[in-house]
PDB file of N, CA and C in Angstrom:
ATOM      1  N   MET A   1      80.897  92.391 113.772  1.00  0.00           N
ATOM      2  CA  MET A   1      82.207  92.621 113.198  1.00  0.00           C
ATOM      3  C   MET A   1      83.172  93.029 114.306  1.00  0.00           C
ATOM      4  N   GLU A   2      84.230  92.296 114.416  1.00  0.00           N
ATOM      5  CA  GLU A   2      85.241  92.563 115.439  1.00  0.00           C
ATOM      6  C   GLU A   2      86.176  93.667 114.965  1.00  0.00           C
ATOM      7  N   ARG A   3      86.474  94.598 115.854  1.00  0.00           N
ATOM      8  CA  ARG A   3      87.398  95.688 115.531  1.00  0.00           C
ATOM      9  C   ARG A   3      88.788  95.302 116.030  1.00  0.00           C
ATOM     10  N   THR A   4      89.743  95.303 115.087  1.00  0.00           N
ATOM     11  CA  THR A   4      91.125  94.964 115.434  1.00  0.00           C
ATOM     12  C   THR A   4      91.992  96.218 115.341  1.00  0.00           C
ATOM     13  N   TRP A   5      93.239  96.043 115.630  1.00  0.00           N
ATOM     14  CA  TRP A   5      94.197  97.142 115.609  1.00  0.00           C
ATOM     15  C   TRP A   5      94.752  97.403 114.218  1.00  0.00           C
ATOM     16  N   LYS A   6      94.514  96.510 113.277  1.00  0.00           N
ATOM     17  CA  LYS A   6      95.163  96.592 111.961  1.00  0.00           C
ATOM     18  C   LYS A   6      94.825  97.865 111.169  1.00  0.00           C
ATOM     19  N   PRO A   7      93.561  98.265 111.058  1.00  0.00           N
ATOM     20  CA  PRO A   7      93.294  99.508 110.319  1.00  0.00           C
ATOM     21  C   PRO A   7      93.882 100.739 111.007  1.00  0.00           C
ATOM     22  N   THR A   8      93.926 100.728 112.322  1.00  0.00           N
ATOM     23  CA  THR A   8      94.512 101.847 113.054  1.00  0.00           C
ATOM     24  C   THR A   8      96.005 101.951 112.760  1.00  0.00           C
ATOM     25  N   VAL A   9      96.693 100.829 112.795  1.00  0.00           N
ATOM     26  CA  VAL A   9      98.126 100.828 112.505  1.00  0.00           C
ATOM     27  C   VAL A   9      98.369 101.229 111.049  1.00  0.00           C
ATOM     28  N   ALA A  10      97.544 100.721 110.135  1.00  0.00           N
ATOM     29  CA  ALA A  10      97.690 101.084 108.718  1.00  0.00           C
ATOM     30  C   ALA A  10      97.504 102.588 108.539  1.00  0.00           C
ATOM     31  N   GLY A  11      96.508 103.155 109.198  1.00  0.00           N
ATOM     32  CA  GLY A  11      96.275 104.593 109.090  1.00  0.00           C
ATOM     33  C   GLY A  11      97.426 105.405 109.642  1.00  0.00           C
ATOM     34  N   ILE A  12      97.951 104.981 110.765  1.00  0.00           N
ATOM     35  CA  ILE A  12      99.089 105.694 111.355  1.00  0.00           C
ATOM     36  C   ILE A  12     100.310 105.595 110.447  1.00  0.00           C
ATOM     37  N   LEU A  13     100.559 104.417 109.884  1.00  0.00           N
ATOM     38  CA  LEU A  13     101.692 104.249 108.976  1.00  0.00           C
ATOM     39  C   LEU A  13     101.534 105.114 107.722  1.00  0.00           C
ATOM     40  N   ASP A  14     100.304 105.189 107.203  1.00  0.00           N
ATOM     41  CA  ASP A  14     100.049 106.044 106.035  1.00  0.00           C
ATOM     42  C   ASP A  14     100.358 107.500 106.350  1.00  0.00           C
ATOM     43  N   ILE A  15      99.852 107.966 107.478  1.00  0.00           N
ATOM     44  CA  ILE A  15     100.036 109.370 107.852  1.00  0.00           C
ATOM     45  C   ILE A  15     101.508 109.670 108.112  1.00  0.00           C
ATOM     46  N   VAL A  16     102.187 108.777 108.808  1.00  0.00           N
ATOM     47  CA  VAL A  16     103.611 108.989 109.102  1.00  0.00           C
ATOM     48  C   VAL A  16     104.426 109.002 107.806  1.00  0.00           C
ATOM     49  N   ALA A  17     104.164 108.061 106.899  1.00  0.00           N
ATOM     50  CA  ALA A  17     104.905 108.013 105.639  1.00  0.00           C
ATOM     51  C   ALA A  17     104.666 109.278 104.821  1.00  0.00           C
ATOM     52  N   GLY A  18     103.417 109.703 104.735  1.00  0.00           N
ATOM     53  CA  GLY A  18     103.110 110.912 103.983  1.00  0.00           C
ATOM     54  C   GLY A  18     103.725 112.150 104.606  1.00  0.00           C
ATOM     55  N   ALA A  19     103.652 112.253 105.925  1.00  0.00           N
ATOM     56  CA  ALA A  19     104.189 113.432 106.610  1.00  0.00           C
ATOM     57  C   ALA A  19     105.721 113.478 106.518  1.00  0.00           C
ATOM     58  N   LEU A  20     106.380 112.338 106.720  1.00  0.00           N
ATOM     59  CA  LEU A  20     107.845 112.318 106.619  1.00  0.00           C
ATOM     60  C   LEU A  20     108.312 112.674 105.212  1.00  0.00           C
ATOM     61  N   SER A  21     107.637 112.153 104.215  1.00  0.00           N
ATOM     62  CA  SER A  21     107.990 112.471 102.847  1.00  0.00           C
ATOM     63  C   SER A  21     107.753 113.945 102.555  1.00  0.00           C
ATOM     64  N   PHE A  22     106.666 114.483 103.085  1.00  0.00           N
ATOM     65  CA  PHE A  22     106.365 115.901 102.881  1.00  0.00           C
ATOM     66  C   PHE A  22     107.431 116.782 103.529  1.00  0.00           C
ATOM     67  N   VAL A  23     107.851 116.432 104.742  1.00  0.00           N
ATOM     68  CA  VAL A  23     108.909 117.192 105.417  1.00  0.00           C
ATOM     69  C   VAL A  23     110.214 117.099 104.625  1.00  0.00           C
ATOM     70  N   GLY A  24     110.528 115.923 104.120  1.00  0.00           N
ATOM     71  CA  GLY A  24     111.715 115.769 103.285  1.00  0.00           C
ATOM     72  C   GLY A  24     111.631 116.605 102.026  1.00  0.00           C
ATOM     73  N   LEU A  25     110.450 116.687 101.468  1.00  0.00           N
ATOM     74  CA  LEU A  25     110.246 117.509 100.276  1.00  0.00           C
ATOM     75  C   LEU A  25     110.466 118.985 100.584  1.00  0.00           C
ATOM     76  N   ILE A  26     110.038 119.428 101.750  1.00  0.00           N
ATOM     77  CA  ILE A  26     110.255 120.823 102.166  1.00  0.00           C
ATOM     78  C   ILE A  26     111.758 121.089 102.279  1.00  0.00           C
ATOM     79  N   PHE A  27     112.499 120.170 102.904  1.00  0.00           N
ATOM     80  CA  PHE A  27     113.954 120.342 103.020  1.00  0.00           C
ATOM     81  C   PHE A  27     114.612 120.370 101.638  1.00  0.00           C
ATOM     82  N   ALA A  28     114.179 119.514 100.745  1.00  0.00           N
ATOM     83  CA  ALA A  28     114.730 119.496  99.393  1.00  0.00           C
ATOM     84  C   ALA A  28     114.440 120.815  98.674  1.00  0.00           C
ATOM     85  N   PHE A  29     113.228 121.325  98.865  1.00  0.00           N
ATOM     86  CA  PHE A  29     112.865 122.595  98.243  1.00  0.00           C
ATOM     87  C   PHE A  29     113.779 123.719  98.721  1.00  0.00           C
ATOM     88  N   PHE A  30     113.978 123.786 100.043  1.00  0.00           N
ATOM     89  CA  PHE A  30     114.852 124.826 100.573  1.00  0.00           C
ATOM     90  C   PHE A  30     116.314 124.590 100.174  1.00  0.00           C
ATOM     91  N   GLY A  31     116.705 123.348 100.006  1.00  0.00           N
ATOM     92  CA  GLY A  31     118.050 123.053  99.522  1.00  0.00           C
ATOM     93  C   GLY A  31     118.256 123.542  98.099  1.00  0.00           C
ATOM     94  N   ILE A  32     117.248 123.354  97.258  1.00  0.00           N
ATOM     95  CA  ILE A  32     117.335 123.848  95.882  1.00  0.00           C
ATOM     96  C   ILE A  32     117.407 125.368  95.871  1.00  0.00           C
ATOM     97  N   LEU A  33     116.590 126.004  96.724  1.00  0.00           N
ATOM     98  CA  LEU A  33     116.648 127.467  96.815  1.00  0.00           C
ATOM     99  C   LEU A  33     118.026 127.937  97.286  1.00  0.00           C
ATOM    100  N   ALA A  34     118.602 127.219  98.235  1.00  0.00           N
ATOM    101  CA  ALA A  34     119.928 127.594  98.731  1.00  0.00           C
ATOM    102  C   ALA A  34     120.979 127.427  97.639  1.00  0.00           C
ATOM    103  N   LEU A  35     120.887 126.349  96.869  1.00  0.00           N
ATOM    104  CA  LEU A  35     121.822 126.158  95.755  1.00  0.00           C
ATOM    105  C   LEU A  35     121.700 127.285  94.731  1.00  0.00           C
ATOM    106  N   LYS A  36     120.479 127.656  94.440  1.00  0.00           N
ATOM    107  CA  LYS A  36     120.268 128.728  93.473  1.00  0.00           C
ATOM    108  C   LYS A  36     120.794 130.056  94.012  1.00  0.00           C
ATOM    109  N   ALA A  37     120.573 130.335  95.310  1.00  0.00           N
ATOM    110  CA  ALA A  37     121.001 131.600  95.910  1.00  0.00           C
ATOM    111  C   ALA A  37     122.527 131.695  96.019  1.00  0.00           C
ATOM    112  N   THR A  38     123.178 130.571  96.266  1.00  0.00           N
ATOM    113  CA  THR A  38     124.630 130.590  96.434  1.00  0.00           C
ATOM    114  C   THR A  38     125.390 130.387  95.129  1.00  0.00           C
ATOM    115  N   GLY A  39     124.658 130.195  94.040  1.00  0.00           N
ATOM    116  CA  GLY A  39     125.311 129.998  92.761  1.00  0.00           C
ATOM    117  C   GLY A  39     125.621 128.554  92.455  1.00  0.00           C
ATOM    118  N   GLY A  40     125.132 127.634  93.279  1.00  0.00           N
ATOM    119  CA  GLY A  40     125.349 126.210  93.020  1.00  0.00           C
ATOM    120  C   GLY A  40     124.619 125.760  91.765  1.00  0.00           C
ATOM    121  N   ILE A  41     123.485 126.389  91.478  1.00  0.00           N
ATOM    122  CA  ILE A  41     122.783 126.167  90.220  1.00  0.00           C
ATOM    123  C   ILE A  41     122.953 127.448  89.422  1.00  0.00           C
ATOM    124  N   ASP A  42     123.813 127.409  88.471  1.00  0.00           N
ATOM    125  CA  ASP A  42     124.174 128.599  87.711  1.00  0.00           C
ATOM    126  C   ASP A  42     123.277 128.720  86.482  1.00  0.00           C
ATOM    127  N   GLN A  43     122.589 129.830  86.361  1.00  0.00           N
ATOM    128  CA  GLN A  43     121.715 130.044  85.206  1.00  0.00           C
ATOM    129  C   GLN A  43     122.503 130.212  83.911  1.00  0.00           C
ATOM    130  N   SER A  44     123.803 130.458  84.015  1.00  0.00           N
ATOM    131  CA  SER A  44     124.599 130.594  82.792  1.00  0.00           C
ATOM    132  C   SER A  44     124.765 129.246  82.083  1.00  0.00           C
ATOM    133  N   MET A  45     124.366 128.154  82.757  1.00  0.00           N
ATOM    134  CA  MET A  45     124.423 126.839  82.125  1.00  0.00           C
ATOM    135  C   MET A  45     123.393 126.738  81.005  1.00  0.00           C
ATOM    136  N   GLY A  46     122.476 127.675  80.969  1.00  0.00           N
ATOM    137  CA  GLY A  46     121.495 127.719  79.883  1.00  0.00           C
ATOM    138  C   GLY A  46     120.391 126.716  80.054  1.00  0.00           C
ATOM    139  N   ILE A  47     120.131 125.970  78.993  1.00  0.00           N
ATOM    140  CA  ILE A  47     118.991 125.069  78.941  1.00  0.00           C
ATOM    141  C   ILE A  47     119.096 123.935  79.958  1.00  0.00           C
ATOM    142  N   GLN A  48     120.321 123.494  80.285  1.00  0.00           N
ATOM    143  CA  GLN A  48     120.471 122.399  81.237  1.00  0.00           C
ATOM    144  C   GLN A  48     119.931 122.794  82.613  1.00  0.00           C
ATOM    145  N   ALA A  49     120.235 123.984  83.085  1.00  0.00           N
ATOM    146  CA  ALA A  49     119.759 124.423  84.395  1.00  0.00           C
ATOM    147  C   ALA A  49     118.251 124.574  84.389  1.00  0.00           C
ATOM    148  N   THR A  50     117.712 125.124  83.311  1.00  0.00           N
ATOM    149  CA  THR A  50     116.265 125.299  83.206  1.00  0.00           C
ATOM    150  C   THR A  50     115.566 123.954  83.172  1.00  0.00           C
ATOM    151  N   MET A  51     116.092 123.009  82.410  1.00  0.00           N
ATOM    152  CA  MET A  51     115.494 121.672  82.355  1.00  0.00           C
ATOM    153  C   MET A  51     115.573 120.980  83.710  1.00  0.00           C
ATOM    154  N   MET A  52     116.703 121.125  84.383  1.00  0.00           N
ATOM    155  CA  MET A  52     116.872 120.491  85.681  1.00  0.00           C
ATOM    156  C   MET A  52     115.857 121.039  86.677  1.00  0.00           C
ATOM    157  N   LEU A  53     115.683 122.341  86.718  1.00  0.00           N
ATOM    158  CA  LEU A  53     114.718 122.944  87.640  1.00  0.00           C
ATOM    159  C   LEU A  53     113.288 122.552  87.270  1.00  0.00           C
ATOM    160  N   THR A  54     112.985 122.439  85.984  1.00  0.00           N
ATOM    161  CA  THR A  54     111.652 122.022  85.549  1.00  0.00           C
ATOM    162  C   THR A  54     111.369 120.586  85.959  1.00  0.00           C
ATOM    163  N   ILE A  55     112.331 119.714  85.774  1.00  0.00           N
ATOM    164  CA  ILE A  55     112.160 118.311  86.167  1.00  0.00           C
ATOM    165  C   ILE A  55     111.982 118.210  87.677  1.00  0.00           C
ATOM    166  N   MET A  56     112.760 118.961  88.429  1.00  0.00           N
ATOM    167  CA  MET A  56     112.608 118.964  89.887  1.00  0.00           C
ATOM    168  C   MET A  56     111.221 119.456  90.294  1.00  0.00           C
ATOM    169  N   ALA A  57     110.710 120.451  89.621  1.00  0.00           N
ATOM    170  CA  ALA A  57     109.377 120.976  89.940  1.00  0.00           C
ATOM    171  C   ALA A  57     108.298 119.936  89.652  1.00  0.00           C
ATOM    172  N   VAL A  58     108.405 119.230  88.536  1.00  0.00           N
ATOM    173  CA  VAL A  58     107.423 118.200  88.191  1.00  0.00           C
ATOM    174  C   VAL A  58     107.462 117.063  89.207  1.00  0.00           C
ATOM    175  N   VAL A  59     108.647 116.631  89.571  1.00  0.00           N
ATOM    176  CA  VAL A  59     108.787 115.566  90.576  1.00  0.00           C
ATOM    177  C   VAL A  59     108.229 116.028  91.925  1.00  0.00           C
ATOM    178  N   ALA A  60     108.470 117.278  92.278  1.00  0.00           N
ATOM    179  CA  ALA A  60     107.966 117.808  93.547  1.00  0.00           C
ATOM    180  C   ALA A  60     106.442 117.849  93.559  1.00  0.00           C
ATOM    181  N   ILE A  61     105.831 118.240  92.448  1.00  0.00           N
ATOM    182  CA  ILE A  61     104.367 118.267  92.374  1.00  0.00           C
ATOM    183  C   ILE A  61     103.809 116.856  92.516  1.00  0.00           C
ATOM    184  N   PHE A  62     104.414 115.896  91.835  1.00  0.00           N
ATOM    185  CA  PHE A  62     103.989 114.494  91.960  1.00  0.00           C
ATOM    186  C   PHE A  62     104.132 114.011  93.403  1.00  0.00           C
ATOM    187  N   ALA A  63     105.247 114.356  94.042  1.00  0.00           N
ATOM    188  CA  ALA A  63     105.485 113.934  95.428  1.00  0.00           C
ATOM    189  C   ALA A  63     104.468 114.559  96.374  1.00  0.00           C
ATOM    190  N   ILE A  64     104.106 115.801  96.150  1.00  0.00           N
ATOM    191  CA  ILE A  64     103.098 116.449  97.006  1.00  0.00           C
ATOM    192  C   ILE A  64     101.762 115.725  96.877  1.00  0.00           C
ATOM    193  N   ILE A  65     101.374 115.393  95.648  1.00  0.00           N
ATOM    194  CA  ILE A  65     100.107 114.674  95.436  1.00  0.00           C
ATOM    195  C   ILE A  65     100.135 113.319  96.136  1.00  0.00           C
ATOM    196  N   VAL A  66     101.241 112.604  96.021  1.00  0.00           N
ATOM    197  CA  VAL A  66     101.366 111.295  96.671  1.00  0.00           C
ATOM    198  C   VAL A  66     101.294 111.438  98.188  1.00  0.00           C
ATOM    199  N   ASP A  67     101.978 112.432  98.737  1.00  0.00           N
ATOM    200  CA  ASP A  67     101.983 112.633 100.192  1.00  0.00           C
ATOM    201  C   ASP A  67     100.593 112.970 100.714  1.00  0.00           C
ATOM    202  N   VAL A  68      99.897 113.851 100.025  1.00  0.00           N
ATOM    203  CA  VAL A  68      98.542 114.224 100.449  1.00  0.00           C
ATOM    204  C   VAL A  68      97.611 113.020 100.346  1.00  0.00           C
ATOM    205  N   LEU A  69      97.744 112.241  99.287  1.00  0.00           N
ATOM    206  CA  LEU A  69      96.913 111.042  99.134  1.00  0.00           C
ATOM    207  C   LEU A  69      97.192 110.026 100.238  1.00  0.00           C
ATOM    208  N   ALA A  70      98.445 109.875 100.630  1.00  0.00           N
ATOM    209  CA  ALA A  70      98.780 108.956 101.724  1.00  0.00           C
ATOM    210  C   ALA A  70      98.157 109.428 103.032  1.00  0.00           C
ATOM    211  N   ILE A  71      98.200 110.718 103.293  1.00  0.00           N
ATOM    212  CA  ILE A  71      97.626 111.249 104.535  1.00  0.00           C
ATOM    213  C   ILE A  71      96.111 111.099 104.532  1.00  0.00           C
ATOM    214  N   ILE A  72      95.465 111.402 103.414  1.00  0.00           N
ATOM    215  CA  ILE A  72      94.002 111.251 103.333  1.00  0.00           C
ATOM    216  C   ILE A  72      93.606 109.784 103.485  1.00  0.00           C
ATOM    217  N   GLY A  73      94.330 108.893 102.827  1.00  0.00           N
ATOM    218  CA  GLY A  73      94.056 107.459 102.976  1.00  0.00           C
ATOM    219  C   GLY A  73      94.246 106.991 104.404  1.00  0.00           C
ATOM    220  N   GLY A  74      95.253 107.543 105.097  1.00  0.00           N
ATOM    221  CA  GLY A  74      95.464 107.198 106.497  1.00  0.00           C
ATOM    222  C   GLY A  74      94.313 107.644 107.377  1.00  0.00           C
ATOM    223  N   ILE A  75      93.767 108.807 107.091  1.00  0.00           N
ATOM    224  CA  ILE A  75      92.613 109.298 107.862  1.00  0.00           C
ATOM    225  C   ILE A  75      91.413 108.379 107.651  1.00  0.00           C
ATOM    226  N   TYR A  76      91.165 107.968 106.403  1.00  0.00           N
ATOM    227  CA  TYR A  76      90.053 107.055 106.144  1.00  0.00           C
ATOM    228  C   TYR A  76      90.287 105.689 106.783  1.00  0.00           C
ATOM    229  N   ALA A  77      91.521 105.239 106.835  1.00  0.00           N
ATOM    230  CA  ALA A  77      91.808 103.959 107.489  1.00  0.00           C
ATOM    231  C   ALA A  77      91.546 104.063 108.996  1.00  0.00           C
ATOM    232  N   LEU A  78      91.925 105.181 109.599  1.00  0.00           N
ATOM    233  CA  LEU A  78      91.655 105.360 111.031  1.00  0.00           C
ATOM    234  C   LEU A  78      90.153 105.390 111.318  1.00  0.00           C
ATOM    235  N   GLN A  79      89.389 105.955 110.397  1.00  0.00           N
ATOM    236  CA  GLN A  79      87.937 106.027 110.567  1.00  0.00           C
ATOM    237  C   GLN A  79      87.233 104.748 110.137  1.00  0.00           C
ATOM    238  N   ARG A  80      87.975 103.844 109.500  1.00  0.00           N
ATOM    239  CA  ARG A  80      87.436 102.587 108.969  1.00  0.00           C
ATOM    240  C   ARG A  80      86.309 102.847 107.963  1.00  0.00           C
ATOM    241  N   ARG A  81      86.524 103.834 107.097  1.00  0.00           N
ATOM    242  CA  ARG A  81      85.573 104.173 106.052  1.00  0.00           C
ATOM    243  C   ARG A  81      86.278 104.080 104.702  1.00  0.00           C
ATOM    244  N   ARG A  82      85.527 103.774 103.670  1.00  0.00           N
ATOM    245  CA  ARG A  82      86.018 103.740 102.290  1.00  0.00           C
ATOM    246  C   ARG A  82      87.320 102.948 102.146  1.00  0.00           C
ATOM    247  N   TRP A  83      87.171 101.649 102.139  1.00  0.00           N
ATOM    248  CA  TRP A  83      88.334 100.773 102.068  1.00  0.00           C
ATOM    249  C   TRP A  83      89.191 101.059 100.832  1.00  0.00           C
ATOM    250  N   GLY A  84      88.544 101.332  99.703  1.00  0.00           N
ATOM    251  CA  GLY A  84      89.303 101.594  98.476  1.00  0.00           C
ATOM    252  C   GLY A  84      90.207 102.807  98.595  1.00  0.00           C
ATOM    253  N   LEU A  85      89.696 103.866  99.226  1.00  0.00           N
ATOM    254  CA  LEU A  85      90.519 105.059  99.406  1.00  0.00           C
ATOM    255  C   LEU A  85      91.612 104.815 100.446  1.00  0.00           C
ATOM    256  N   ALA A  86      91.299 104.034 101.457  1.00  0.00           N
ATOM    257  CA  ALA A  86      92.327 103.691 102.451  1.00  0.00           C
ATOM    258  C   ALA A  86      93.433 102.864 101.807  1.00  0.00           C
ATOM    259  N   LEU A  87      93.068 101.944 100.923  1.00  0.00           N
ATOM    260  CA  LEU A  87      94.082 101.137 100.224  1.00  0.00           C
ATOM    261  C   LEU A  87      94.893 101.997  99.256  1.00  0.00           C
ATOM    262  N   THR A  88      94.221 102.935  98.584  1.00  0.00           N
ATOM    263  CA  THR A  88      94.937 103.859  97.702  1.00  0.00           C
ATOM    264  C   THR A  88      95.942 104.681  98.498  1.00  0.00           C
ATOM    265  N   GLY A  89      95.551 105.121  99.685  1.00  0.00           N
ATOM    266  CA  GLY A  89      96.476 105.851 100.552  1.00  0.00           C
ATOM    267  C   GLY A  89      97.652 104.998 100.985  1.00  0.00           C
ATOM    268  N   SER A  90      97.410 103.716 101.209  1.00  0.00           N
ATOM    269  CA  SER A  90      98.497 102.822 101.577  1.00  0.00           C
ATOM    270  C   SER A  90      99.472 102.622 100.416  1.00  0.00           C
ATOM    271  N   ILE A  91      98.936 102.553  99.208  1.00  0.00           N
ATOM    272  CA  ILE A  91      99.798 102.435  98.035  1.00  0.00           C
ATOM    273  C   ILE A  91     100.605 103.720  97.855  1.00  0.00           C
ATOM    274  N   ALA A  92      99.968 104.861  98.105  1.00  0.00           N
ATOM    275  CA  ALA A  92     100.697 106.134  98.039  1.00  0.00           C
ATOM    276  C   ALA A  92     101.769 106.184  99.119  1.00  0.00           C
ATOM    277  N   ALA A  93     101.468 105.642 100.291  1.00  0.00           N
ATOM    278  CA  ALA A  93     102.470 105.590 101.356  1.00  0.00           C
ATOM    279  C   ALA A  93     103.651 104.718 100.937  1.00  0.00           C
ATOM    280  N   PHE A  94     103.384 103.675 100.164  1.00  0.00           N
ATOM    281  CA  PHE A  94     104.461 102.833  99.638  1.00  0.00           C
ATOM    282  C   PHE A  94     105.387 103.641  98.737  1.00  0.00           C
ATOM    283  N   LEU A  95     104.802 104.537  97.927  1.00  0.00           N
ATOM    284  CA  LEU A  95     105.625 105.375  97.063  1.00  0.00           C
ATOM    285  C   LEU A  95     106.438 106.382  97.872  1.00  0.00           C
ATOM    286  N   ALA A  96     105.905 106.781  99.029  1.00  0.00           N
ATOM    287  CA  ALA A  96     106.608 107.745  99.881  1.00  0.00           C
ATOM    288  C   ALA A  96     107.682 107.062 100.732  1.00  0.00           C
ATOM    289  N   SER A  97     107.372 105.878 101.252  1.00  0.00           N
ATOM    290  CA  SER A  97     108.309 105.148 102.113  1.00  0.00           C
ATOM    291  C   SER A  97     108.029 103.651 101.973  1.00  0.00           C
ATOM    292  N   TRP A  98     108.938 102.933 101.367  1.00  0.00           N
ATOM    293  CA  TRP A  98     108.700 101.521 101.084  1.00  0.00           C
ATOM    294  C   TRP A  98     108.396 100.676 102.312  1.00  0.00           C
ATOM    295  N   PRO A  99     109.196 100.727 103.362  1.00  0.00           N
ATOM    296  CA  PRO A  99     108.902  99.842 104.504  1.00  0.00           C
ATOM    297  C   PRO A  99     107.561 100.149 105.160  1.00  0.00           C
ATOM    298  N   LEU A 100     107.273 101.424 105.375  1.00  0.00           N
ATOM    299  CA  LEU A 100     106.001 101.785 105.998  1.00  0.00           C
ATOM    300  C   LEU A 100     104.839 101.481 105.071  1.00  0.00           C
ATOM    301  N   GLY A 101     105.023 101.708 103.779  1.00  0.00           N
ATOM    302  CA  GLY A 101     103.966 101.465 102.812  1.00  0.00           C
ATOM    303  C   GLY A 101     103.607 100.001 102.668  1.00  0.00           C
ATOM    304  N   ILE A 102     104.615  99.139 102.667  1.00  0.00           N
ATOM    305  CA  ILE A 102     104.337  97.699 102.557  1.00  0.00           C
ATOM    306  C   ILE A 102     103.512  97.229 103.751  1.00  0.00           C
ATOM    307  N   ALA A 103     103.903  97.644 104.935  1.00  0.00           N
ATOM    308  CA  ALA A 103     103.145  97.256 106.132  1.00  0.00           C
ATOM    309  C   ALA A 103     101.731  97.824 106.080  1.00  0.00           C
ATOM    310  N   ALA A 104     101.584  99.065 105.639  1.00  0.00           N
ATOM    311  CA  ALA A 104     100.257  99.686 105.563  1.00  0.00           C
ATOM    312  C   ALA A 104      99.372  98.965 104.550  1.00  0.00           C
ATOM    313  N   ILE A 105      99.938  98.569 103.411  1.00  0.00           N
ATOM    314  CA  ILE A 105      99.153  97.837 102.403  1.00  0.00           C
ATOM    315  C   ILE A 105      98.675  96.511 102.976  1.00  0.00           C
ATOM    316  N   VAL A 106      99.571  95.797 103.640  1.00  0.00           N
ATOM    317  CA  VAL A 106      99.202  94.491 104.203  1.00  0.00           C
ATOM    318  C   VAL A 106      98.102  94.654 105.252  1.00  0.00           C
ATOM    319  N   PHE A 107      98.275  95.589 106.178  1.00  0.00           N
ATOM    320  CA  PHE A 107      97.279  95.770 107.238  1.00  0.00           C
ATOM    321  C   PHE A 107      95.939  96.252 106.683  1.00  0.00           C
ATOM    322  N   THR A 108      95.967  97.091 105.670  1.00  0.00           N
ATOM    323  CA  THR A 108      94.713  97.561 105.072  1.00  0.00           C
ATOM    324  C   THR A 108      94.019  96.434 104.317  1.00  0.00           C
ATOM    325  N   ALA A 109      94.778  95.666 103.572  1.00  0.00           N
ATOM    326  CA  ALA A 109      94.183  94.578 102.795  1.00  0.00           C
ATOM    327  C   ALA A 109      93.603  93.493 103.700  1.00  0.00           C
ATOM    328  N   VAL A 110      94.308  93.162 104.763  1.00  0.00           N
ATOM    329  CA  VAL A 110      93.848  92.105 105.659  1.00  0.00           C
ATOM    330  C   VAL A 110      92.589  92.526 106.428  1.00  0.00           C
ATOM    331  N   SER A 111      92.433  93.809 106.657  1.00  0.00           N
ATOM    332  CA  SER A 111      91.315  94.279 107.480  1.00  0.00           C
ATOM    333  C   SER A 111      90.159  94.817 106.645  1.00  0.00           C
ATOM    334  N   LYS A 112      90.000  94.338 105.424  1.00  0.00           N
ATOM    335  CA  LYS A 112      88.952  94.854 104.533  1.00  0.00           C
ATOM    336  C   LYS A 112      87.563  94.725 105.142  1.00  0.00           C
ATOM    337  N   ASN A 113      87.288  93.672 105.873  1.00  0.00           N
ATOM    338  CA  ASN A 113      85.966  93.447 106.449  1.00  0.00           C
ATOM    339  C   ASN A 113      85.584  94.451 107.525  1.00  0.00           C
ATOM    340  N   GLU A 114      86.546  95.191 108.054  1.00  0.00           N
ATOM    341  CA  GLU A 114      86.253  96.155 109.110  1.00  0.00           C
ATOM    342  C   GLU A 114      85.821  97.511 108.593  1.00  0.00           C
ATOM    343  N   PHE A 115      85.891  97.707 107.290  1.00  0.00           N
ATOM    344  CA  PHE A 115      85.527  99.003 106.700  1.00  0.00           C
ATOM    345  C   PHE A 115      84.057  99.028 106.322  1.00  0.00           C
ATOM    346  N   GLU A 116      83.488 100.240 106.335  1.00  0.00           N
ATOM    347  CA  GLU A 116      82.079 100.410 105.932  1.00  0.00           C
ATOM    348  C   GLU A 116      81.954 100.365 104.433  1.00  0.00           C
TER     349      GLU A 116
END
């Protein structure tokens, strides 16, 4: 079995997409905290503010799961182990960053024979 560069590139793209999305999520989290601290999100709005913060929390939890899955899939792609998990990580990377995710999916799918 010939070892090519494709799984390595797919793994790097997965990790980069997951990490960039995670960093963006951290900035968004601190932005929400800043809005709340400065009165940009006013609790006197009642149910609307509470619903908005709840929806943001649910989206953030989903994004964290996707980012972690992309990073784990990237690690498996670099190790050339568990093709299914590497492909799942590439799909998660697509959800985190479309351009990087599309390339990662293609490189992972094309290099299926290189995985254990």
